């Protein structure tokens, strides 16, 4: 059905050749420290530092729902901080995921990935702490990336 490859493994350690973008969803309030970002920060300090600076200086930049920040962490590896979550989950106020923001971020990500000639690697974005469902996110990833010829691998962490 989709052009997405699913594998068990660690999305922070893609084993394919070529340029790679590791994509994940961030919140719009500057919080970093739970979920997939912990694995990102264990490997590289740059994405967290860049995200925090991006949030801190948000009055003079594009930090908002749907925005994407690309951070180079290795010669052929980039991390895409995508703002696709409003706030964080607290109590019973509903889920923080914003599908329209993830969609907008994926459109931006597609442009970056195409320009870099990169494949995209991700966990099931928006479905962890953001509270989203993969049945809503997968068609967005498929339409915005896979159908544009961008190789996409989704990682389910092998426990």
N, C-alpha and C. Protein backbone atom coordinates (compact mmCIF):
# COMPACT_ATOMS: atom_id res chain seq x y z
N UNK A 1 0.83 -1.21 0.00
CA UNK A 1 0.00 0.00 0.00
C UNK A 1 0.86 1.26 0.00
N UNK A 2 1.89 1.29 0.86
CA UNK A 2 2.68 2.51 0.91
C UNK A 2 4.12 2.22 0.52
N UNK A 3 4.85 3.27 0.26
CA UNK A 3 6.26 3.13 -0.09
C UNK A 3 7.14 3.26 1.13
N UNK A 4 6.60 2.98 2.30
CA UNK A 4 7.33 3.10 3.55
C UNK A 4 7.87 1.72 3.93
N UNK A 5 9.14 1.66 4.30
CA UNK A 5 9.73 0.42 4.79
C UNK A 5 9.67 0.42 6.31
N UNK A 6 9.23 -0.69 6.88
CA UNK A 6 9.16 -0.83 8.33
C UNK A 6 10.20 -1.84 8.79
N UNK A 7 10.99 -1.45 9.79
CA UNK A 7 11.96 -2.39 10.35
C UNK A 7 12.01 -2.24 11.86
N UNK A 8 12.53 -3.28 12.51
CA UNK A 8 12.81 -3.19 13.95
C UNK A 8 14.20 -2.62 14.09
N UNK A 9 14.37 -1.70 15.00
CA UNK A 9 15.71 -1.16 15.20
C UNK A 9 15.67 0.24 15.77
N UNK A 10 16.81 0.89 15.72
CA UNK A 10 17.02 2.21 16.31
C UNK A 10 17.04 3.26 15.21
N UNK A 11 16.07 4.15 15.23
CA UNK A 11 15.97 5.18 14.19
C UNK A 11 17.14 6.17 14.23
N UNK A 12 17.90 6.18 15.33
CA UNK A 12 19.06 7.08 15.38
C UNK A 12 20.29 6.43 14.75
N UNK A 13 20.17 5.19 14.28
CA UNK A 13 21.32 4.49 13.70
C UNK A 13 20.95 3.81 12.38
N UNK A 14 20.51 4.59 11.38
CA UNK A 14 20.16 3.98 10.10
C UNK A 14 21.39 3.35 9.44
N UNK A 15 21.21 2.16 8.87
CA UNK A 15 22.37 1.44 8.33
C UNK A 15 22.43 1.50 6.80
N UNK A 16 21.73 2.44 6.19
CA UNK A 16 21.78 2.55 4.73
C UNK A 16 22.89 3.52 4.32
N UNK A 17 23.28 3.43 3.06
CA UNK A 17 24.31 4.32 2.53
C UNK A 17 23.67 5.65 2.12
N UNK A 18 24.52 6.66 1.97
CA UNK A 18 24.04 7.94 1.48
C UNK A 18 23.64 8.90 2.59
N UNK A 19 23.09 10.02 2.17
CA UNK A 19 22.67 11.06 3.11
C UNK A 19 21.36 10.62 3.77
N UNK A 20 21.29 10.84 5.09
CA UNK A 20 20.13 10.42 5.86
C UNK A 20 19.60 11.59 6.69
N UNK A 21 18.29 11.70 6.77
CA UNK A 21 17.65 12.65 7.67
C UNK A 21 16.84 11.85 8.68
N UNK A 22 17.12 12.07 9.95
CA UNK A 22 16.35 11.44 11.02
C UNK A 22 15.31 12.45 11.47
N UNK A 23 14.04 12.11 11.25
CA UNK A 23 12.95 13.05 11.53
C UNK A 23 12.21 12.66 12.79
N UNK A 24 11.84 13.66 13.56
CA UNK A 24 11.03 13.41 14.75
C UNK A 24 10.19 14.64 15.05
N UNK A 25 9.19 14.45 15.91
CA UNK A 25 8.27 15.53 16.24
C UNK A 25 8.63 16.12 17.60
N UNK A 26 8.63 17.45 17.66
CA UNK A 26 8.89 18.21 18.89
C UNK A 26 7.63 18.99 19.26
N UNK A 27 7.60 19.46 20.50
CA UNK A 27 6.48 20.31 20.93
C UNK A 27 6.80 21.78 20.66
N UNK A 28 5.78 22.62 20.84
CA UNK A 28 5.94 24.05 20.55
C UNK A 28 6.18 24.90 21.80
N UNK A 29 6.58 24.24 22.91
CA UNK A 29 6.81 25.01 24.14
C UNK A 29 8.25 24.92 24.64
N UNK A 30 9.14 24.35 23.82
CA UNK A 30 10.54 24.31 24.21
C UNK A 30 10.94 23.14 25.08
N UNK A 31 10.03 22.19 25.29
CA UNK A 31 10.34 21.04 26.13
C UNK A 31 11.09 19.97 25.35
N UNK A 32 12.16 19.46 25.93
CA UNK A 32 12.97 18.40 25.32
C UNK A 32 13.47 17.55 26.46
N UNK A 33 13.21 16.26 26.44
CA UNK A 33 13.73 15.44 27.54
C UNK A 33 12.99 14.14 27.76
N UNK A 34 11.91 13.89 27.00
CA UNK A 34 11.19 12.62 27.12
C UNK A 34 10.92 12.09 25.73
N UNK A 35 10.80 10.77 25.65
CA UNK A 35 10.48 10.15 24.37
C UNK A 35 11.70 9.98 23.49
N UNK A 36 11.49 10.02 22.18
CA UNK A 36 12.55 9.75 21.20
C UNK A 36 13.73 10.71 21.31
N UNK A 37 13.49 11.95 21.76
CA UNK A 37 14.59 12.92 21.85
C UNK A 37 15.68 12.47 22.82
N UNK A 38 15.32 11.62 23.78
CA UNK A 38 16.33 11.10 24.71
C UNK A 38 17.36 10.29 23.93
N UNK A 39 16.89 9.45 22.99
CA UNK A 39 17.81 8.66 22.15
C UNK A 39 18.64 9.57 21.25
N UNK A 40 18.00 10.61 20.70
CA UNK A 40 18.73 11.57 19.85
C UNK A 40 19.84 12.23 20.66
N UNK A 41 19.50 12.72 21.85
CA UNK A 41 20.48 13.42 22.68
C UNK A 41 21.61 12.52 23.16
N UNK A 42 21.31 11.22 23.32
CA UNK A 42 22.36 10.28 23.71
C UNK A 42 23.43 10.18 22.63
N UNK A 43 23.04 10.32 21.38
CA UNK A 43 24.00 10.21 20.26
C UNK A 43 24.66 11.53 19.90
N UNK A 44 23.89 12.61 19.94
CA UNK A 44 24.40 13.91 19.48
C UNK A 44 23.82 15.03 20.34
N UNK A 45 24.65 15.97 20.81
CA UNK A 45 24.14 17.10 21.59
C UNK A 45 23.54 18.21 20.70
N UNK A 46 23.91 18.26 19.43
CA UNK A 46 23.55 19.40 18.58
C UNK A 46 22.04 19.60 18.37
N UNK A 47 21.25 18.53 18.13
CA UNK A 47 19.81 18.78 17.88
C UNK A 47 19.10 19.43 19.06
N UNK A 48 19.41 19.01 20.28
CA UNK A 48 18.78 19.61 21.46
C UNK A 48 19.22 21.06 21.62
N UNK A 49 20.51 21.31 21.49
CA UNK A 49 21.02 22.68 21.64
C UNK A 49 20.39 23.59 20.59
N UNK A 50 20.29 23.09 19.35
CA UNK A 50 19.71 23.90 18.27
C UNK A 50 18.22 24.16 18.53
N UNK A 51 17.50 23.12 18.98
CA UNK A 51 16.06 23.27 19.28
C UNK A 51 15.84 24.29 20.39
N UNK A 52 16.63 24.18 21.45
CA UNK A 52 16.46 25.11 22.58
C UNK A 52 16.77 26.55 22.16
N UNK A 53 17.79 26.75 21.33
CA UNK A 53 18.12 28.09 20.84
C UNK A 53 17.02 28.60 19.91
N UNK A 54 16.51 27.71 19.07
CA UNK A 54 15.41 28.05 18.14
C UNK A 54 14.19 28.51 18.92
N UNK A 55 13.87 27.78 20.00
CA UNK A 55 12.72 28.17 20.84
C UNK A 55 13.01 29.48 21.58
N UNK A 56 14.20 29.60 22.13
CA UNK A 56 14.56 30.80 22.90
C UNK A 56 14.47 32.05 22.03
N UNK A 57 14.88 31.95 20.77
CA UNK A 57 14.91 33.10 19.87
C UNK A 57 13.68 33.16 18.96
N UNK A 58 12.58 32.50 19.38
CA UNK A 58 11.41 32.34 18.50
C UNK A 58 10.77 33.65 18.07
N UNK A 59 11.01 34.75 18.80
CA UNK A 59 10.43 36.04 18.39
C UNK A 59 11.02 36.49 17.05
N UNK A 60 12.21 35.99 16.72
CA UNK A 60 12.85 36.45 15.50
C UNK A 60 13.12 35.32 14.50
N UNK A 61 12.39 34.21 14.63
CA UNK A 61 12.58 33.12 13.66
C UNK A 61 11.25 32.44 13.35
N UNK A 62 11.30 31.29 12.70
CA UNK A 62 10.09 30.61 12.24
C UNK A 62 9.58 29.54 13.20
N UNK A 63 10.05 29.52 14.46
CA UNK A 63 9.63 28.50 15.41
C UNK A 63 8.12 28.57 15.61
N UNK A 64 7.40 27.54 15.15
CA UNK A 64 5.94 27.47 15.28
C UNK A 64 5.50 26.10 14.80
N UNK A 65 4.25 25.77 15.04
CA UNK A 65 3.71 24.51 14.54
C UNK A 65 3.95 24.42 13.03
N UNK A 66 4.43 23.27 12.59
CA UNK A 66 4.66 23.04 11.17
C UNK A 66 6.06 23.38 10.69
N UNK A 67 6.86 24.03 11.55
CA UNK A 67 8.21 24.42 11.15
C UNK A 67 9.17 23.24 11.27
N UNK A 68 10.27 23.31 10.52
CA UNK A 68 11.29 22.27 10.54
C UNK A 68 12.66 22.92 10.70
N UNK A 69 13.46 22.35 11.58
CA UNK A 69 14.84 22.80 11.78
C UNK A 69 15.75 21.62 11.44
N UNK A 70 16.61 21.79 10.46
CA UNK A 70 17.55 20.73 10.08
C UNK A 70 18.89 20.98 10.76
N UNK A 71 19.39 19.96 11.44
CA UNK A 71 20.65 20.07 12.18
C UNK A 71 21.60 18.98 11.69
N UNK A 72 22.75 19.37 11.17
CA UNK A 72 23.72 18.38 10.70
C UNK A 72 24.48 17.84 11.91
N UNK A 73 24.50 16.49 12.05
CA UNK A 73 25.16 15.88 13.21
C UNK A 73 26.36 15.02 12.82
N UNK A 74 26.42 14.60 11.56
CA UNK A 74 27.55 13.86 11.01
C UNK A 74 27.66 14.28 9.55
N UNK A 75 28.72 13.82 8.89
CA UNK A 75 28.92 14.24 7.51
C UNK A 75 27.70 13.96 6.64
N UNK A 76 27.09 12.79 6.79
CA UNK A 76 25.96 12.41 5.95
C UNK A 76 24.66 12.23 6.75
N UNK A 77 24.61 12.77 7.95
CA UNK A 77 23.42 12.59 8.80
C UNK A 77 22.93 13.94 9.31
N UNK A 78 21.63 14.16 9.13
CA UNK A 78 20.95 15.35 9.63
C UNK A 78 19.81 14.91 10.54
N UNK A 79 19.46 15.75 11.49
CA UNK A 79 18.27 15.53 12.32
C UNK A 79 17.28 16.64 12.01
N UNK A 80 16.03 16.24 11.74
CA UNK A 80 14.97 17.22 11.48
C UNK A 80 14.10 17.35 12.71
N UNK A 81 14.20 18.49 13.39
CA UNK A 81 13.31 18.82 14.51
C UNK A 81 12.05 19.41 13.89
N UNK A 82 10.93 18.69 13.96
CA UNK A 82 9.67 19.14 13.35
C UNK A 82 8.67 19.48 14.44
N UNK A 83 8.15 20.70 14.41
CA UNK A 83 7.18 21.11 15.42
C UNK A 83 5.79 20.60 15.02
N UNK A 84 5.34 19.53 15.69
CA UNK A 84 4.07 18.92 15.34
C UNK A 84 3.20 18.62 16.53
N UNK A 85 3.50 19.28 17.63
CA UNK A 85 2.79 18.98 18.86
C UNK A 85 2.58 20.29 19.62
N UNK A 86 1.33 20.55 20.03
CA UNK A 86 1.04 21.74 20.83
C UNK A 86 1.14 21.38 22.30
N UNK A 87 2.12 21.95 22.96
CA UNK A 87 2.29 21.67 24.39
C UNK A 87 2.68 20.22 24.64
N UNK A 88 2.41 19.79 25.88
CA UNK A 88 2.69 18.41 26.26
C UNK A 88 1.45 17.86 26.95
N UNK A 89 1.39 16.54 27.04
CA UNK A 89 0.21 15.91 27.62
C UNK A 89 0.13 16.19 29.11
N UNK A 90 -0.96 16.77 29.53
CA UNK A 90 -1.19 17.01 30.95
C UNK A 90 -2.65 16.76 31.24
N UNK A 91 -2.92 15.88 32.17
CA UNK A 91 -4.31 15.63 32.57
C UNK A 91 -5.19 15.19 31.42
N UNK A 92 -6.41 15.68 31.39
CA UNK A 92 -7.38 15.21 30.41
C UNK A 92 -7.73 16.21 29.34
N UNK A 93 -6.77 17.00 28.90
CA UNK A 93 -7.06 18.04 27.91
C UNK A 93 -6.97 17.57 26.47
N UNK A 94 -6.96 16.25 26.26
CA UNK A 94 -6.79 15.77 24.89
C UNK A 94 -5.33 15.59 24.56
N UNK A 95 -5.07 15.15 23.34
CA UNK A 95 -3.69 14.85 22.95
C UNK A 95 -3.03 16.08 22.32
N UNK A 96 -1.71 16.20 22.53
CA UNK A 96 -0.99 17.37 22.00
C UNK A 96 -0.68 17.31 20.50
N UNK A 97 -0.79 16.12 19.87
CA UNK A 97 -0.43 16.00 18.46
C UNK A 97 -1.29 16.95 17.61
N UNK A 98 -0.67 17.53 16.59
CA UNK A 98 -1.40 18.38 15.63
C UNK A 98 -1.08 17.83 14.24
N UNK A 99 -2.02 17.08 13.69
CA UNK A 99 -1.78 16.41 12.40
C UNK A 99 -1.50 17.41 11.29
N UNK A 100 -2.19 18.54 11.30
CA UNK A 100 -1.97 19.53 10.23
C UNK A 100 -0.56 20.12 10.33
N UNK A 101 -0.02 20.21 11.55
CA UNK A 101 1.36 20.71 11.72
C UNK A 101 2.36 19.65 11.25
N UNK A 102 2.08 18.39 11.54
CA UNK A 102 2.96 17.32 11.06
C UNK A 102 2.94 17.30 9.53
N UNK A 103 1.76 17.46 8.95
CA UNK A 103 1.64 17.49 7.50
C UNK A 103 2.47 18.64 6.91
N UNK A 104 2.33 19.83 7.47
CA UNK A 104 3.09 20.99 6.98
C UNK A 104 4.59 20.76 7.14
N UNK A 105 5.00 20.17 8.27
CA UNK A 105 6.42 19.90 8.50
C UNK A 105 6.94 18.86 7.51
N UNK A 106 6.11 17.87 7.19
CA UNK A 106 6.54 16.85 6.22
C UNK A 106 6.73 17.45 4.83
N UNK A 107 5.89 18.42 4.47
CA UNK A 107 6.06 19.10 3.18
C UNK A 107 7.42 19.80 3.15
N UNK A 108 7.75 20.50 4.24
CA UNK A 108 9.05 21.18 4.33
C UNK A 108 10.19 20.17 4.33
N UNK A 109 10.01 19.08 5.08
CA UNK A 109 11.02 18.03 5.15
C UNK A 109 11.28 17.43 3.77
N UNK A 110 10.23 17.23 2.98
CA UNK A 110 10.38 16.67 1.63
C UNK A 110 11.29 17.55 0.79
N UNK A 111 11.12 18.86 0.90
CA UNK A 111 11.98 19.78 0.16
C UNK A 111 13.43 19.65 0.56
N UNK A 112 13.68 19.58 1.87
CA UNK A 112 15.05 19.43 2.37
C UNK A 112 15.64 18.10 1.93
N UNK A 113 14.87 17.01 2.09
CA UNK A 113 15.37 15.68 1.74
C UNK A 113 15.68 15.59 0.25
N UNK A 114 14.82 16.16 -0.57
CA UNK A 114 15.06 16.16 -2.02
C UNK A 114 16.33 16.92 -2.37
N UNK A 115 16.49 18.09 -1.76
CA UNK A 115 17.67 18.92 -2.04
C UNK A 115 18.95 18.20 -1.63
N UNK A 116 18.89 17.43 -0.53
CA UNK A 116 20.06 16.73 -0.04
C UNK A 116 20.25 15.37 -0.71
N UNK A 117 19.23 14.90 -1.43
CA UNK A 117 19.27 13.55 -1.98
C UNK A 117 19.25 12.51 -0.88
N UNK A 118 18.50 12.80 0.18
CA UNK A 118 18.54 11.99 1.40
C UNK A 118 17.36 11.03 1.52
N UNK A 119 17.62 9.96 2.25
CA UNK A 119 16.53 9.09 2.71
C UNK A 119 16.09 9.62 4.08
N UNK A 120 14.85 9.29 4.48
CA UNK A 120 14.31 9.77 5.74
C UNK A 120 14.05 8.58 6.67
N UNK A 121 14.44 8.75 7.92
CA UNK A 121 14.34 7.70 8.94
C UNK A 121 13.63 8.29 10.15
N UNK A 122 12.69 7.52 10.72
CA UNK A 122 11.90 8.06 11.82
C UNK A 122 11.28 6.95 12.65
N UNK A 123 10.98 7.27 13.90
CA UNK A 123 10.08 6.39 14.65
C UNK A 123 8.66 6.67 14.14
N UNK A 124 7.66 6.10 14.75
CA UNK A 124 6.27 6.42 14.37
C UNK A 124 5.95 7.80 14.93
N UNK A 125 6.36 8.83 14.17
CA UNK A 125 6.28 10.22 14.64
C UNK A 125 4.87 10.61 15.05
N UNK A 126 4.80 11.38 16.14
CA UNK A 126 3.51 11.87 16.61
C UNK A 126 2.69 10.86 17.37
N UNK A 127 3.21 9.64 17.55
CA UNK A 127 2.42 8.56 18.14
C UNK A 127 2.88 8.14 19.53
N UNK A 128 3.93 8.77 20.03
CA UNK A 128 4.40 8.44 21.37
C UNK A 128 3.76 9.40 22.37
N UNK A 129 4.59 10.26 22.94
CA UNK A 129 4.09 11.22 23.93
C UNK A 129 3.08 12.20 23.34
N UNK A 130 3.14 12.42 22.01
CA UNK A 130 2.20 13.35 21.37
C UNK A 130 0.78 12.78 21.33
N UNK A 131 0.66 11.46 21.46
CA UNK A 131 -0.66 10.85 21.57
C UNK A 131 -1.40 10.60 20.26
N UNK A 132 -0.71 10.74 19.14
CA UNK A 132 -1.37 10.53 17.85
C UNK A 132 -1.50 9.06 17.50
N UNK A 133 -2.19 8.79 16.40
CA UNK A 133 -2.34 7.42 15.93
C UNK A 133 -1.64 7.28 14.58
N UNK A 134 -0.98 6.15 14.37
CA UNK A 134 -0.23 5.93 13.14
C UNK A 134 -1.17 5.87 11.94
N UNK A 135 -2.41 5.44 12.16
CA UNK A 135 -3.36 5.39 11.04
C UNK A 135 -3.66 6.78 10.49
N UNK A 136 -3.44 7.81 11.28
CA UNK A 136 -3.60 9.20 10.80
C UNK A 136 -2.29 9.77 10.27
N UNK A 137 -1.16 9.36 10.83
CA UNK A 137 0.14 9.91 10.43
C UNK A 137 0.69 9.21 9.19
N UNK A 138 0.54 7.90 9.10
CA UNK A 138 1.13 7.14 7.99
C UNK A 138 0.73 7.68 6.61
N UNK A 139 -0.57 7.99 6.36
CA UNK A 139 -0.90 8.53 5.03
C UNK A 139 -0.21 9.85 4.72
N UNK A 140 0.08 10.66 5.74
CA UNK A 140 0.78 11.93 5.54
C UNK A 140 2.23 11.66 5.13
N UNK A 141 2.88 10.73 5.82
CA UNK A 141 4.26 10.38 5.51
C UNK A 141 4.32 9.80 4.10
N UNK A 142 3.36 8.94 3.78
CA UNK A 142 3.33 8.31 2.47
C UNK A 142 3.15 9.36 1.37
N UNK A 143 2.17 10.24 1.55
CA UNK A 143 1.86 11.23 0.51
C UNK A 143 2.97 12.27 0.35
N UNK A 144 3.47 12.79 1.47
CA UNK A 144 4.44 13.90 1.41
C UNK A 144 5.86 13.46 1.09
N UNK A 145 6.21 12.22 1.44
CA UNK A 145 7.59 11.76 1.24
C UNK A 145 7.67 10.59 0.26
N UNK A 146 7.11 9.44 0.64
CA UNK A 146 7.30 8.22 -0.14
C UNK A 146 6.81 8.37 -1.58
N UNK A 147 5.65 8.96 -1.77
CA UNK A 147 5.12 9.11 -3.14
C UNK A 147 5.89 10.12 -3.96
N UNK A 148 6.73 10.91 -3.31
CA UNK A 148 7.60 11.85 -4.03
C UNK A 148 8.95 11.22 -4.34
N UNK A 149 9.07 9.92 -4.08
CA UNK A 149 10.31 9.21 -4.39
C UNK A 149 11.37 9.29 -3.32
N UNK A 150 11.01 9.78 -2.14
CA UNK A 150 11.96 9.87 -1.04
C UNK A 150 11.88 8.56 -0.24
N UNK A 151 12.98 7.82 -0.14
CA UNK A 151 12.93 6.57 0.62
C UNK A 151 12.68 6.86 2.11
N UNK A 152 11.69 6.18 2.68
CA UNK A 152 11.33 6.38 4.08
C UNK A 152 11.40 5.05 4.82
N UNK A 153 12.09 5.06 5.95
CA UNK A 153 12.13 3.88 6.82
C UNK A 153 11.58 4.29 8.19
N UNK A 154 10.61 3.50 8.66
CA UNK A 154 10.02 3.72 9.98
C UNK A 154 10.53 2.60 10.89
N UNK A 155 11.02 3.00 12.05
CA UNK A 155 11.64 2.07 12.98
C UNK A 155 10.72 1.80 14.15
N UNK A 156 10.52 0.53 14.41
CA UNK A 156 9.85 0.11 15.64
C UNK A 156 10.95 -0.41 16.53
N UNK A 157 11.08 0.18 17.70
CA UNK A 157 12.20 -0.16 18.56
C UNK A 157 12.12 -1.63 18.97
N UNK A 158 13.19 -2.34 18.72
CA UNK A 158 13.23 -3.77 19.08
C UNK A 158 13.62 -3.91 20.54
N UNK A 159 12.68 -4.33 21.36
CA UNK A 159 12.99 -4.49 22.79
C UNK A 159 13.32 -5.93 23.13
